[in-house]
Amino acid sequence: MQRTNMKRAAMLAVTLFAVGLPAGAALAAPAADHAAMLELADQSRCLTCHDVDETVRGPAWRDVAKRYRGQDVEEQLVKKVYEGGGGVWGNDSMSSNKRAGMDNIRILVRWILALP
C-alpha cells in the first residue's frame, strides 16, 4: 500500500468516530480527532474560505454550529457544500465542493455541527 493510501486509511479510521455522531452532539473526541478533521478539511480545500473560529470568506464553523444547534439540517448542509449556494451568510456565494466527495462532506458537516 502506498504511503498516501495508508495515510488516508488511517485518517478514515480516525474519522469514522465522527460518522456515528448524531448532528449537534457534543464532540468528546481527543485532540487527535480534531486534528484529523482539520486535515480532512484542508485536503478538501475547505480551509481556503473557512476557519473553526474566525470568519474568512465564509463563516466560522463555530458560528455555523451555533446557528444550527438543535436543528435537523445535516442533509441540507451536505447538499449546500456539495452543490454550492448563497444568501444565508451575506452576499457571498459558496462554491460547490464536489471534489471532496459526499462521504467526506458528511463527516465534516457532522463534525462542524458538533462543535461547541
PDB file of N, CA and C in Angstrom:
ATOM      1  N   MET A   1       0.843  -1.174   0.000  1.00  0.00           N
ATOM      2  CA  MET A   1       0.000   0.000   0.000  1.00  0.00           C
ATOM      3  C   MET A   1       0.890   1.239   0.000  1.00  0.00           C
ATOM      4  N   GLN A   2       0.584   2.211  -0.837  1.00  0.00           N
ATOM      5  CA  GLN A   2       1.371   3.421  -0.901  1.00  0.00           C
ATOM      6  C   GLN A   2       1.194   4.240   0.368  1.00  0.00           C
ATOM      7  N   ARG A   3       2.180   5.101   0.649  1.00  0.00           N
ATOM      8  CA  ARG A   3       2.130   5.940   1.849  1.00  0.00           C
ATOM      9  C   ARG A   3       0.864   6.786   1.882  1.00  0.00           C
ATOM     10  N   THR A   4       0.461   7.361   0.736  1.00  0.00           N
ATOM     11  CA  THR A   4      -0.738   8.192   0.672  1.00  0.00           C
ATOM     12  C   THR A   4      -1.970   7.382   1.023  1.00  0.00           C
ATOM     13  N   ASN A   5      -2.080   6.175   0.495  1.00  0.00           N
ATOM     14  CA  ASN A   5      -3.228   5.329   0.794  1.00  0.00           C
ATOM     15  C   ASN A   5      -3.245   4.920   2.262  1.00  0.00           C
ATOM     16  N   MET A   6      -2.072   4.664   2.838  1.00  0.00           N
ATOM     17  CA  MET A   6      -2.007   4.314   4.261  1.00  0.00           C
ATOM     18  C   MET A   6      -2.455   5.504   5.107  1.00  0.00           C
ATOM     19  N   LYS A   7      -2.040   6.705   4.720  1.00  0.00           N
ATOM     20  CA  LYS A   7      -2.436   7.903   5.449  1.00  0.00           C
ATOM     21  C   LYS A   7      -3.945   8.098   5.364  1.00  0.00           C
ATOM     22  N   ARG A   8      -4.504   7.916   4.179  1.00  0.00           N
ATOM     23  CA  ARG A   8      -5.959   8.054   4.011  1.00  0.00           C
ATOM     24  C   ARG A   8      -6.708   6.997   4.807  1.00  0.00           C
ATOM     25  N   ALA A   9      -6.207   5.780   4.821  1.00  0.00           N
ATOM     26  CA  ALA A   9      -6.857   4.713   5.591  1.00  0.00           C
ATOM     27  C   ALA A   9      -6.811   5.022   7.080  1.00  0.00           C
ATOM     28  N   ALA A  10      -5.682   5.532   7.552  1.00  0.00           N
ATOM     29  CA  ALA A  10      -5.571   5.898   8.970  1.00  0.00           C
ATOM     30  C   ALA A  10      -6.512   7.044   9.295  1.00  0.00           C
ATOM     31  N   MET A  11      -6.592   8.035   8.402  1.00  0.00           N
ATOM     32  CA  MET A  11      -7.484   9.160   8.642  1.00  0.00           C
ATOM     33  C   MET A  11      -8.940   8.697   8.645  1.00  0.00           C
ATOM     34  N   LEU A  12      -9.283   7.804   7.739  1.00  0.00           N
ATOM     35  CA  LEU A  12     -10.645   7.295   7.700  1.00  0.00           C
ATOM     36  C   LEU A  12     -10.976   6.569   8.996  1.00  0.00           C
ATOM     37  N   ALA A  13     -10.049   5.783   9.503  1.00  0.00           N
ATOM     38  CA  ALA A  13     -10.280   5.077  10.767  1.00  0.00           C
ATOM     39  C   ALA A  13     -10.531   6.060  11.898  1.00  0.00           C
ATOM     40  N   VAL A  14      -9.776   7.152  11.918  1.00  0.00           N
ATOM     41  CA  VAL A  14      -9.959   8.163  12.953  1.00  0.00           C
ATOM     42  C   VAL A  14     -11.286   8.881  12.773  1.00  0.00           C
ATOM     43  N   THR A  15     -11.650   9.194  11.530  1.00  0.00           N
ATOM     44  CA  THR A  15     -12.860   9.968  11.292  1.00  0.00           C
ATOM     45  C   THR A  15     -14.143   9.143  11.355  1.00  0.00           C
ATOM     46  N   LEU A  16     -14.036   7.840  11.312  1.00  0.00           N
ATOM     47  CA  LEU A  16     -15.247   7.026  11.426  1.00  0.00           C
ATOM     48  C   LEU A  16     -15.966   7.289  12.745  1.00  0.00           C
ATOM     49  N   PHE A  17     -15.209   7.688  13.752  1.00  0.00           N
ATOM     50  CA  PHE A  17     -15.818   8.071  15.019  1.00  0.00           C
ATOM     51  C   PHE A  17     -16.851   9.171  14.790  1.00  0.00           C
ATOM     52  N   ALA A  18     -16.505  10.133  13.945  1.00  0.00           N
ATOM     53  CA  ALA A  18     -17.386  11.262  13.689  1.00  0.00           C
ATOM     54  C   ALA A  18     -18.637  10.846  12.924  1.00  0.00           C
ATOM     55  N   VAL A  19     -18.533   9.840  12.082  1.00  0.00           N
ATOM     56  CA  VAL A  19     -19.677   9.409  11.291  1.00  0.00           C
ATOM     57  C   VAL A  19     -20.813   8.924  12.182  1.00  0.00           C
ATOM     58  N   GLY A  20     -20.494   8.316  13.300  1.00  0.00           N
ATOM     59  CA  GLY A  20     -21.517   7.793  14.188  1.00  0.00           C
ATOM     60  C   GLY A  20     -22.154   8.829  15.089  1.00  0.00           C
ATOM     61  N   LEU A  21     -21.643  10.039  15.072  1.00  0.00           N
ATOM     62  CA  LEU A  21     -22.195  11.068  15.940  1.00  0.00           C
ATOM     63  C   LEU A  21     -23.493  11.609  15.377  1.00  0.00           C
ATOM     64  N   PRO A  22     -24.508  11.778  16.211  1.00  0.00           N
ATOM     65  CA  PRO A  22     -25.696  12.468  15.744  1.00  0.00           C
ATOM     66  C   PRO A  22     -25.377  13.950  15.568  1.00  0.00           C
ATOM     67  N   ALA A  23     -26.012  14.592  14.606  1.00  0.00           N
ATOM     68  CA  ALA A  23     -25.779  16.021  14.386  1.00  0.00           C
ATOM     69  C   ALA A  23     -26.088  16.789  15.660  1.00  0.00           C
ATOM     70  N   GLY A  24     -25.192  17.698  16.017  1.00  0.00           N
ATOM     71  CA  GLY A  24     -25.397  18.525  17.197  1.00  0.00           C
ATOM     72  C   GLY A  24     -24.915  17.907  18.485  1.00  0.00           C
ATOM     73  N   ALA A  25     -24.449  16.672  18.465  1.00  0.00           N
ATOM     74  CA  ALA A  25     -23.951  16.043  19.689  1.00  0.00           C
ATOM     75  C   ALA A  25     -22.623  16.663  20.074  1.00  0.00           C
ATOM     76  N   ALA A  26     -22.324  16.661  21.351  1.00  0.00           N
ATOM     77  CA  ALA A  26     -21.034  17.192  21.803  1.00  0.00           C
ATOM     78  C   ALA A  26     -19.932  16.275  21.307  1.00  0.00           C
ATOM     79  N   LEU A  27     -18.914  16.853  20.726  1.00  0.00           N
ATOM     80  CA  LEU A  27     -17.803  16.067  20.213  1.00  0.00           C
ATOM     81  C   LEU A  27     -16.826  15.833  21.341  1.00  0.00           C
ATOM     82  N   ALA A  28     -16.846  14.641  21.891  1.00  0.00           N
ATOM     83  CA  ALA A  28     -15.979  14.301  23.012  1.00  0.00           C
ATOM     84  C   ALA A  28     -14.770  13.531  22.514  1.00  0.00           C
ATOM     85  N   ALA A  29     -14.188  14.002  21.433  1.00  0.00           N
ATOM     86  CA  ALA A  29     -13.055  13.317  20.830  1.00  0.00           C
ATOM     87  C   ALA A  29     -11.756  13.964  21.280  1.00  0.00           C
ATOM     88  N   PRO A  30     -10.689  13.188  21.353  1.00  0.00           N
ATOM     89  CA  PRO A  30      -9.400  13.773  21.701  1.00  0.00           C
ATOM     90  C   PRO A  30      -8.913  14.737  20.634  1.00  0.00           C
ATOM     91  N   ALA A  31      -7.882  15.504  20.965  1.00  0.00           N
ATOM     92  CA  ALA A  31      -7.335  16.495  20.040  1.00  0.00           C
ATOM     93  C   ALA A  31      -6.906  15.872  18.720  1.00  0.00           C
ATOM     94  N   ALA A  32      -6.481  14.623  18.737  1.00  0.00           N
ATOM     95  CA  ALA A  32      -6.056  13.958  17.507  1.00  0.00           C
ATOM     96  C   ALA A  32      -7.209  13.890  16.508  1.00  0.00           C
ATOM     97  N   ASP A  33      -8.435  13.673  16.975  1.00  0.00           N
ATOM     98  CA  ASP A  33      -9.587  13.633  16.087  1.00  0.00           C
ATOM     99  C   ASP A  33      -9.858  15.018  15.515  1.00  0.00           C
ATOM    100  N   HIS A  34      -9.708  16.061  16.348  1.00  0.00           N
ATOM    101  CA  HIS A  34      -9.862  17.435  15.881  1.00  0.00           C
ATOM    102  C   HIS A  34      -8.824  17.710  14.788  1.00  0.00           C
ATOM    103  N   ALA A  35      -7.594  17.288  15.029  1.00  0.00           N
ATOM    104  CA  ALA A  35      -6.523  17.478  14.049  1.00  0.00           C
ATOM    105  C   ALA A  35      -6.827  16.723  12.759  1.00  0.00           C
ATOM    106  N   ALA A  36      -7.369  15.523  12.871  1.00  0.00           N
ATOM    107  CA  ALA A  36      -7.718  14.741  11.681  1.00  0.00           C
ATOM    108  C   ALA A  36      -8.829  15.423  10.889  1.00  0.00           C
ATOM    109  N   MET A  37      -9.793  16.016  11.590  1.00  0.00           N
ATOM    110  CA  MET A  37     -10.871  16.734  10.903  1.00  0.00           C
ATOM    111  C   MET A  37     -10.311  17.959  10.175  1.00  0.00           C
ATOM    112  N   LEU A  38      -9.387  18.668  10.818  1.00  0.00           N
ATOM    113  CA  LEU A  38      -8.771  19.825  10.165  1.00  0.00           C
ATOM    114  C   LEU A  38      -7.950  19.403   8.948  1.00  0.00           C
ATOM    115  N   GLU A  39      -7.286  18.260   9.058  1.00  0.00           N
ATOM    116  CA  GLU A  39      -6.523  17.756   7.912  1.00  0.00           C
ATOM    117  C   GLU A  39      -7.461  17.377   6.766  1.00  0.00           C
ATOM    118  N   LEU A  40      -8.566  16.723   7.095  1.00  0.00           N
ATOM    119  CA  LEU A  40      -9.546  16.371   6.067  1.00  0.00           C
ATOM    120  C   LEU A  40     -10.125  17.639   5.441  1.00  0.00           C
ATOM    121  N   ALA A  41     -10.419  18.645   6.253  1.00  0.00           N
ATOM    122  CA  ALA A  41     -10.925  19.918   5.732  1.00  0.00           C
ATOM    123  C   ALA A  41      -9.897  20.589   4.823  1.00  0.00           C
ATOM    124  N   ASP A  42      -8.634  20.518   5.222  1.00  0.00           N
ATOM    125  CA  ASP A  42      -7.574  21.111   4.410  1.00  0.00           C
ATOM    126  C   ASP A  42      -7.452  20.378   3.081  1.00  0.00           C
ATOM    127  N   GLN A  43      -7.459  19.047   3.113  1.00  0.00           N
ATOM    128  CA  GLN A  43      -7.365  18.256   1.880  1.00  0.00           C
ATOM    129  C   GLN A  43      -8.576  18.484   0.975  1.00  0.00           C
ATOM    130  N   SER A  44      -9.709  18.808   1.583  1.00  0.00           N
ATOM    131  CA  SER A  44     -10.940  19.056   0.823  1.00  0.00           C
ATOM    132  C   SER A  44     -11.044  20.505   0.372  1.00  0.00           C
ATOM    133  N   ARG A  45     -10.028  21.298   0.699  1.00  0.00           N
ATOM    134  CA  ARG A  45      -9.914  22.708   0.325  1.00  0.00           C
ATOM    135  C   ARG A  45     -10.953  23.589   0.998  1.00  0.00           C
ATOM    136  N   CYS A  46     -11.469  23.171   2.133  1.00  0.00           N
ATOM    137  CA  CYS A  46     -12.441  23.966   2.884  1.00  0.00           C
ATOM    138  C   CYS A  46     -11.776  25.150   3.578  1.00  0.00           C
ATOM    139  N   LEU A  47     -10.509  24.965   3.968  1.00  0.00           N
ATOM    140  CA  LEU A  47      -9.819  25.996   4.748  1.00  0.00           C
ATOM    141  C   LEU A  47      -9.422  27.199   3.895  1.00  0.00           C
ATOM    142  N   THR A  48      -9.662  27.128   2.616  1.00  0.00           N
ATOM    143  CA  THR A  48      -9.436  28.281   1.757  1.00  0.00           C
ATOM    144  C   THR A  48     -10.401  29.408   2.132  1.00  0.00           C
ATOM    145  N   CYS A  49     -11.613  29.051   2.509  1.00  0.00           N
ATOM    146  CA  CYS A  49     -12.655  30.040   2.799  1.00  0.00           C
ATOM    147  C   CYS A  49     -13.185  29.981   4.227  1.00  0.00           C
ATOM    148  N   HIS A  50     -12.823  28.956   4.993  1.00  0.00           N
ATOM    149  CA  HIS A  50     -13.380  28.774   6.334  1.00  0.00           C
ATOM    150  C   HIS A  50     -12.293  28.538   7.367  1.00  0.00           C
ATOM    151  N   ASP A  51     -12.648  28.794   8.626  1.00  0.00           N
ATOM    152  CA  ASP A  51     -11.806  28.524   9.782  1.00  0.00           C
ATOM    153  C   ASP A  51     -12.743  28.099  10.908  1.00  0.00           C
ATOM    154  N   VAL A  52     -12.224  27.419  11.891  1.00  0.00           N
ATOM    155  CA  VAL A  52     -13.058  26.988  13.009  1.00  0.00           C
ATOM    156  C   VAL A  52     -13.592  28.190  13.783  1.00  0.00           C
ATOM    157  N   ASP A  53     -12.720  29.151  14.091  1.00  0.00           N
ATOM    158  CA  ASP A  53     -13.096  30.243  14.988  1.00  0.00           C
ATOM    159  C   ASP A  53     -13.217  31.612  14.340  1.00  0.00           C
ATOM    160  N   GLU A  54     -12.638  31.810  13.178  1.00  0.00           N
ATOM    161  CA  GLU A  54     -12.609  33.131  12.548  1.00  0.00           C
ATOM    162  C   GLU A  54     -13.361  33.118  11.219  1.00  0.00           C
ATOM    163  N   THR A  55     -14.083  34.201  10.954  1.00  0.00           N
ATOM    164  CA  THR A  55     -14.704  34.361   9.651  1.00  0.00           C
ATOM    165  C   THR A  55     -13.603  34.680   8.648  1.00  0.00           C
ATOM    166  N   VAL A  56     -13.560  33.931   7.572  1.00  0.00           N
ATOM    167  CA  VAL A  56     -12.595  34.183   6.497  1.00  0.00           C
ATOM    168  C   VAL A  56     -13.441  34.748   5.363  1.00  0.00           C
ATOM    169  N   ARG A  57     -13.590  34.019   4.291  1.00  0.00           N
ATOM    170  CA  ARG A  57     -14.546  34.413   3.251  1.00  0.00           C
ATOM    171  C   ARG A  57     -15.929  33.897   3.635  1.00  0.00           C
ATOM    172  N   GLY A  58     -15.943  32.679   4.173  1.00  0.00           N
ATOM    173  CA  GLY A  58     -17.180  32.089   4.657  1.00  0.00           C
ATOM    174  C   GLY A  58     -17.224  32.151   6.171  1.00  0.00           C
ATOM    175  N   PRO A  59     -18.339  31.752   6.756  1.00  0.00           N
ATOM    176  CA  PRO A  59     -18.492  31.863   8.212  1.00  0.00           C
ATOM    177  C   PRO A  59     -17.568  30.924   8.976  1.00  0.00           C
ATOM    178  N   ALA A  60     -17.244  31.318  10.202  1.00  0.00           N
ATOM    179  CA  ALA A  60     -16.506  30.439  11.109  1.00  0.00           C
ATOM    180  C   ALA A  60     -17.394  29.238  11.410  1.00  0.00           C
ATOM    181  N   TRP A  61     -16.791  28.068  11.511  1.00  0.00           N
ATOM    182  CA  TRP A  61     -17.591  26.861  11.722  1.00  0.00           C
ATOM    183  C   TRP A  61     -18.266  26.834  13.075  1.00  0.00           C
ATOM    184  N   ARG A  62     -17.689  27.456  14.093  1.00  0.00           N
ATOM    185  CA  ARG A  62     -18.385  27.528  15.383  1.00  0.00           C
ATOM    186  C   ARG A  62     -19.657  28.368  15.249  1.00  0.00           C
ATOM    187  N   ASP A  63     -19.634  29.392  14.394  1.00  0.00           N
ATOM    188  CA  ASP A  63     -20.838  30.190  14.144  1.00  0.00           C
ATOM    189  C   ASP A  63     -21.895  29.351  13.429  1.00  0.00           C
ATOM    190  N   VAL A  64     -21.459  28.498  12.515  1.00  0.00           N
ATOM    191  CA  VAL A  64     -22.389  27.596  11.823  1.00  0.00           C
ATOM    192  C   VAL A  64     -23.027  26.652  12.844  1.00  0.00           C
ATOM    193  N   ALA A  65     -22.195  26.059  13.705  1.00  0.00           N
ATOM    194  CA  ALA A  65     -22.711  25.142  14.732  1.00  0.00           C
ATOM    195  C   ALA A  65     -23.710  25.849  15.637  1.00  0.00           C
ATOM    196  N   LYS A  66     -23.387  27.070  16.020  1.00  0.00           N
ATOM    197  CA  LYS A  66     -24.280  27.840  16.902  1.00  0.00           C
ATOM    198  C   LYS A  66     -25.608  28.148  16.203  1.00  0.00           C
ATOM    199  N   ARG A  67     -25.540  28.574  14.949  1.00  0.00           N
ATOM    200  CA  ARG A  67     -26.762  28.930  14.219  1.00  0.00           C
ATOM    201  C   ARG A  67     -27.705  27.738  14.073  1.00  0.00           C
ATOM    202  N   TYR A  68     -27.148  26.561  13.840  1.00  0.00           N
ATOM    203  CA  TYR A  68     -27.986  25.401  13.533  1.00  0.00           C
ATOM    204  C   TYR A  68     -28.159  24.428  14.698  1.00  0.00           C
ATOM    205  N   ARG A  69     -27.646  24.771  15.874  1.00  0.00           N
ATOM    206  CA  ARG A  69     -27.742  23.883  17.029  1.00  0.00           C
ATOM    207  C   ARG A  69     -29.197  23.466  17.285  1.00  0.00           C
ATOM    208  N   GLY A  70     -29.392  22.163  17.429  1.00  0.00           N
ATOM    209  CA  GLY A  70     -30.720  21.628  17.719  1.00  0.00           C
ATOM    210  C   GLY A  70     -31.617  21.472  16.509  1.00  0.00           C
ATOM    211  N   GLN A  71     -31.136  21.824  15.339  1.00  0.00           N
ATOM    212  CA  GLN A  71     -31.934  21.708  14.123  1.00  0.00           C
ATOM    213  C   GLN A  71     -31.476  20.508  13.301  1.00  0.00           C
ATOM    214  N   ASP A  72     -32.390  19.919  12.584  1.00  0.00           N
ATOM    215  CA  ASP A  72     -32.082  18.773  11.718  1.00  0.00           C
ATOM    216  C   ASP A  72     -31.705  19.296  10.331  1.00  0.00           C
ATOM    217  N   VAL A  73     -30.452  19.745  10.193  1.00  0.00           N
ATOM    218  CA  VAL A  73     -30.021  20.392   8.953  1.00  0.00           C
ATOM    219  C   VAL A  73     -28.855  19.681   8.273  1.00  0.00           C
ATOM    220  N   GLU A  74     -28.470  18.522   8.784  1.00  0.00           N
ATOM    221  CA  GLU A  74     -27.288  17.855   8.237  1.00  0.00           C
ATOM    222  C   GLU A  74     -27.378  17.661   6.729  1.00  0.00           C
ATOM    223  N   GLU A  75     -28.432  17.073   6.241  1.00  0.00           N
ATOM    224  CA  GLU A  75     -28.545  16.798   4.803  1.00  0.00           C
ATOM    225  C   GLU A  75     -28.597  18.089   3.995  1.00  0.00           C
ATOM    226  N   GLN A  76     -29.264  19.105   4.522  1.00  0.00           N
ATOM    227  CA  GLN A  76     -29.331  20.407   3.851  1.00  0.00           C
ATOM    228  C   GLN A  76     -27.927  21.005   3.701  1.00  0.00           C
ATOM    229  N   LEU A  77     -27.126  20.918   4.747  1.00  0.00           N
ATOM    230  CA  LEU A  77     -25.773  21.470   4.693  1.00  0.00           C
ATOM    231  C   LEU A  77     -24.844  20.631   3.819  1.00  0.00           C
ATOM    232  N   VAL A  78     -24.999  19.323   3.851  1.00  0.00           N
ATOM    233  CA  VAL A  78     -24.198  18.457   2.975  1.00  0.00           C
ATOM    234  C   VAL A  78     -24.479  18.837   1.523  1.00  0.00           C
ATOM    235  N   LYS A  79     -25.732  19.000   1.186  1.00  0.00           N
ATOM    236  CA  LYS A  79     -26.118  19.382  -0.173  1.00  0.00           C
ATOM    237  C   LYS A  79     -25.552  20.765  -0.524  1.00  0.00           C
ATOM    238  N   LYS A  80     -25.612  21.707   0.420  1.00  0.00           N
ATOM    239  CA  LYS A  80     -25.101  23.067   0.182  1.00  0.00           C
ATOM    240  C   LYS A  80     -23.601  23.042  -0.105  1.00  0.00           C
ATOM    241  N   VAL A  81     -22.850  22.245   0.672  1.00  0.00           N
ATOM    242  CA  VAL A  81     -21.406  22.156   0.452  1.00  0.00           C
ATOM    243  C   VAL A  81     -21.129  21.503  -0.907  1.00  0.00           C
ATOM    244  N   TYR A  82     -21.857  20.453  -1.208  1.00  0.00           N
ATOM    245  CA  TYR A  82     -21.625  19.713  -2.460  1.00  0.00           C
ATOM    246  C   TYR A  82     -21.974  20.559  -3.686  1.00  0.00           C
ATOM    247  N   GLU A  83     -23.131  21.228  -3.648  1.00  0.00           N
ATOM    248  CA  GLU A  83     -23.625  21.955  -4.812  1.00  0.00           C
ATOM    249  C   GLU A  83     -23.266  23.434  -4.808  1.00  0.00           C
ATOM    250  N   GLY A  84     -22.958  23.992  -3.632  1.00  0.00           N
ATOM    251  CA  GLY A  84     -22.713  25.425  -3.519  1.00  0.00           C
ATOM    252  C   GLY A  84     -24.016  26.170  -3.307  1.00  0.00           C
ATOM    253  N   GLY A  85     -23.920  27.449  -3.099  1.00  0.00           N
ATOM    254  CA  GLY A  85     -25.113  28.268  -2.906  1.00  0.00           C
ATOM    255  C   GLY A  85     -24.779  29.517  -2.130  1.00  0.00           C
ATOM    256  N   GLY A  86     -25.782  30.284  -1.812  1.00  0.00           N
ATOM    257  CA  GLY A  86     -25.537  31.528  -1.102  1.00  0.00           C
ATOM    258  C   GLY A  86     -26.789  32.079  -0.476  1.00  0.00           C
ATOM    259  N   GLY A  87     -26.633  33.297   0.075  1.00  0.00           N
ATOM    260  CA  GLY A  87     -27.769  34.004   0.626  1.00  0.00           C
ATOM    261  C   GLY A  87     -28.010  33.798   2.102  1.00  0.00           C
ATOM    262  N   VAL A  88     -27.283  32.897   2.754  1.00  0.00           N
ATOM    263  CA  VAL A  88     -27.514  32.607   4.163  1.00  0.00           C
ATOM    264  C   VAL A  88     -26.588  33.431   5.055  1.00  0.00           C
ATOM    265  N   TRP A  89     -25.367  33.654   4.614  1.00  0.00           N
ATOM    266  CA  TRP A  89     -24.347  34.331   5.412  1.00  0.00           C
ATOM    267  C   TRP A  89     -23.909  35.640   4.768  1.00  0.00           C
ATOM    268  N   GLY A  90     -24.751  36.264   3.996  1.00  0.00           N
ATOM    269  CA  GLY A  90     -24.380  37.514   3.341  1.00  0.00           C
ATOM    270  C   GLY A  90     -24.479  37.383   1.836  1.00  0.00           C
ATOM    271  N   ASN A  91     -23.824  38.278   1.151  1.00  0.00           N
ATOM    272  CA  ASN A  91     -23.926  38.336  -0.313  1.00  0.00           C
ATOM    273  C   ASN A  91     -23.003  37.368  -1.032  1.00  0.00           C
ATOM    274  N   ASP A  92     -21.992  36.859  -0.338  1.00  0.00           N
ATOM    275  CA  ASP A  92     -21.025  35.969  -0.973  1.00  0.00           C
ATOM    276  C   ASP A  92     -21.616  34.581  -1.174  1.00  0.00           C
ATOM    277  N   SER A  93     -21.229  33.924  -2.241  1.00  0.00           N
ATOM    278  CA  SER A  93     -21.709  32.570  -2.530  1.00  0.00           C
ATOM    279  C   SER A  93     -20.636  31.541  -2.203  1.00  0.00           C
ATOM    280  N   MET A  94     -21.084  30.369  -1.823  1.00  0.00           N
ATOM    281  CA  MET A  94     -20.171  29.262  -1.589  1.00  0.00           C
ATOM    282  C   MET A  94     -20.052  28.469  -2.882  1.00  0.00           C
ATOM    283  N   SER A  95     -18.811  28.225  -3.292  1.00  0.00           N
ATOM    284  CA  SER A  95     -18.572  27.397  -4.475  1.00  0.00           C
ATOM    285  C   SER A  95     -18.915  25.951  -4.160  1.00  0.00           C
ATOM    286  N   SER A  96     -19.304  25.210  -5.184  1.00  0.00           N
ATOM    287  CA  SER A  96     -19.545  23.782  -4.978  1.00  0.00           C
ATOM    288  C   SER A  96     -18.227  23.099  -4.633  1.00  0.00           C
ATOM    289  N   ASN A  97     -18.312  22.012  -3.879  1.00  0.00           N
ATOM    290  CA  ASN A  97     -17.112  21.276  -3.490  1.00  0.00           C
ATOM    291  C   ASN A  97     -17.316  19.791  -3.770  1.00  0.00           C
ATOM    292  N   LYS A  98     -17.610  19.477  -5.004  1.00  0.00           N
ATOM    293  CA  LYS A  98     -17.851  18.090  -5.398  1.00  0.00           C
ATOM    294  C   LYS A  98     -16.597  17.231  -5.306  1.00  0.00           C
ATOM    295  N   ARG A  99     -15.429  17.860  -5.422  1.00  0.00           N
ATOM    296  CA  ARG A  99     -14.172  17.099  -5.379  1.00  0.00           C
ATOM    297  C   ARG A  99     -13.946  16.450  -4.009  1.00  0.00           C
ATOM    298  N   ALA A 100     -14.554  16.992  -2.956  1.00  0.00           N
ATOM    299  CA  ALA A 100     -14.378  16.429  -1.611  1.00  0.00           C
ATOM    300  C   ALA A 100     -15.108  15.097  -1.472  1.00  0.00           C
ATOM    301  N   GLY A 101     -16.191  14.922  -2.209  1.00  0.00           N
ATOM    302  CA  GLY A 101     -16.970  13.687  -2.132  1.00  0.00           C
ATOM    303  C   GLY A 101     -17.999  13.745  -1.014  1.00  0.00           C
ATOM    304  N   MET A 102     -19.125  13.132  -1.241  1.00  0.00           N
ATOM    305  CA  MET A 102     -20.241  13.182  -0.287  1.00  0.00           C
ATOM    306  C   MET A 102     -19.876  12.587   1.071  1.00  0.00           C
ATOM    307  N   ASP A 103     -19.124  11.497   1.098  1.00  0.00           N
ATOM    308  CA  ASP A 103     -18.762  10.881   2.385  1.00  0.00           C
ATOM    309  C   ASP A 103     -17.926  11.823   3.227  1.00  0.00           C
ATOM    310  N   ASN A 104     -16.921  12.444   2.630  1.00  0.00           N
ATOM    311  CA  ASN A 104     -16.086  13.387   3.376  1.00  0.00           C
ATOM    312  C   ASN A 104     -16.869  14.621   3.798  1.00  0.00           C
ATOM    313  N   ILE A 105     -17.728  15.105   2.921  1.00  0.00           N
ATOM    314  CA  ILE A 105     -18.553  16.268   3.266  1.00  0.00           C
ATOM    315  C   ILE A 105     -19.436  15.941   4.458  1.00  0.00           C
ATOM    316  N   ARG A 106     -20.049  14.771   4.455  1.00  0.00           N
ATOM    317  CA  ARG A 106     -20.931  14.371   5.564  1.00  0.00           C
ATOM    318  C   ARG A 106     -20.135  14.288   6.870  1.00  0.00           C
ATOM    319  N   ILE A 107     -18.943  13.712   6.826  1.00  0.00           N
ATOM    320  CA  ILE A 107     -18.091  13.622   8.016  1.00  0.00           C
ATOM    321  C   ILE A 107     -17.785  15.021   8.541  1.00  0.00           C
ATOM    322  N   LEU A 108     -17.399  15.923   7.651  1.00  0.00           N
ATOM    323  CA  LEU A 108     -17.056  17.280   8.067  1.00  0.00           C
ATOM    324  C   LEU A 108     -18.259  18.047   8.589  1.00  0.00           C
ATOM    325  N   VAL A 109     -19.407  17.916   7.945  1.00  0.00           N
ATOM    326  CA  VAL A 109     -20.610  18.613   8.407  1.00  0.00           C
ATOM    327  C   VAL A 109     -21.004  18.127   9.798  1.00  0.00           C
ATOM    328  N   ARG A 110     -20.945  16.831  10.040  1.00  0.00           N
ATOM    329  CA  ARG A 110     -21.270  16.313  11.380  1.00  0.00           C
ATOM    330  C   ARG A 110     -20.304  16.853  12.426  1.00  0.00           C
ATOM    331  N   TRP A 111     -19.038  16.913  12.068  1.00  0.00           N
ATOM    332  CA  TRP A 111     -18.051  17.463  12.990  1.00  0.00           C
ATOM    333  C   TRP A 111     -18.312  18.943  13.274  1.00  0.00           C
ATOM    334  N   ILE A 112     -18.580  19.700  12.228  1.00  0.00           N
ATOM    335  CA  ILE A 112     -18.850  21.135  12.377  1.00  0.00           C
ATOM    336  C   ILE A 112     -20.075  21.353  13.246  1.00  0.00           C
ATOM    337  N   LEU A 113     -21.145  20.621  12.982  1.00  0.00           N
ATOM    338  CA  LEU A 113     -22.381  20.794  13.769  1.00  0.00           C
ATOM    339  C   LEU A 113     -22.183  20.413  15.238  1.00  0.00           C
ATOM    340  N   ALA A 114     -21.199  19.571  15.515  1.00  0.00           N
ATOM    341  CA  ALA A 114     -20.960  19.135  16.882  1.00  0.00           C
ATOM    342  C   ALA A 114     -19.978  20.050  17.634  1.00  0.00           C
ATOM    343  N   LEU A 115     -19.431  21.054  16.954  1.00  0.00           N
ATOM    344  CA  LEU A 115     -18.501  21.953  17.639  1.00  0.00           C
ATOM    345  C   LEU A 115     -19.208  22.704  18.757  1.00  0.00           C
ATOM    346  N   PRO A 116     -18.520  22.880  19.871  1.00  0.00           N
ATOM    347  CA  PRO A 116     -19.143  23.631  20.992  1.00  0.00           C
ATOM    348  C   PRO A 116     -19.198  25.123  20.704  1.00  0.00           C
TER     349      PRO A 116
END
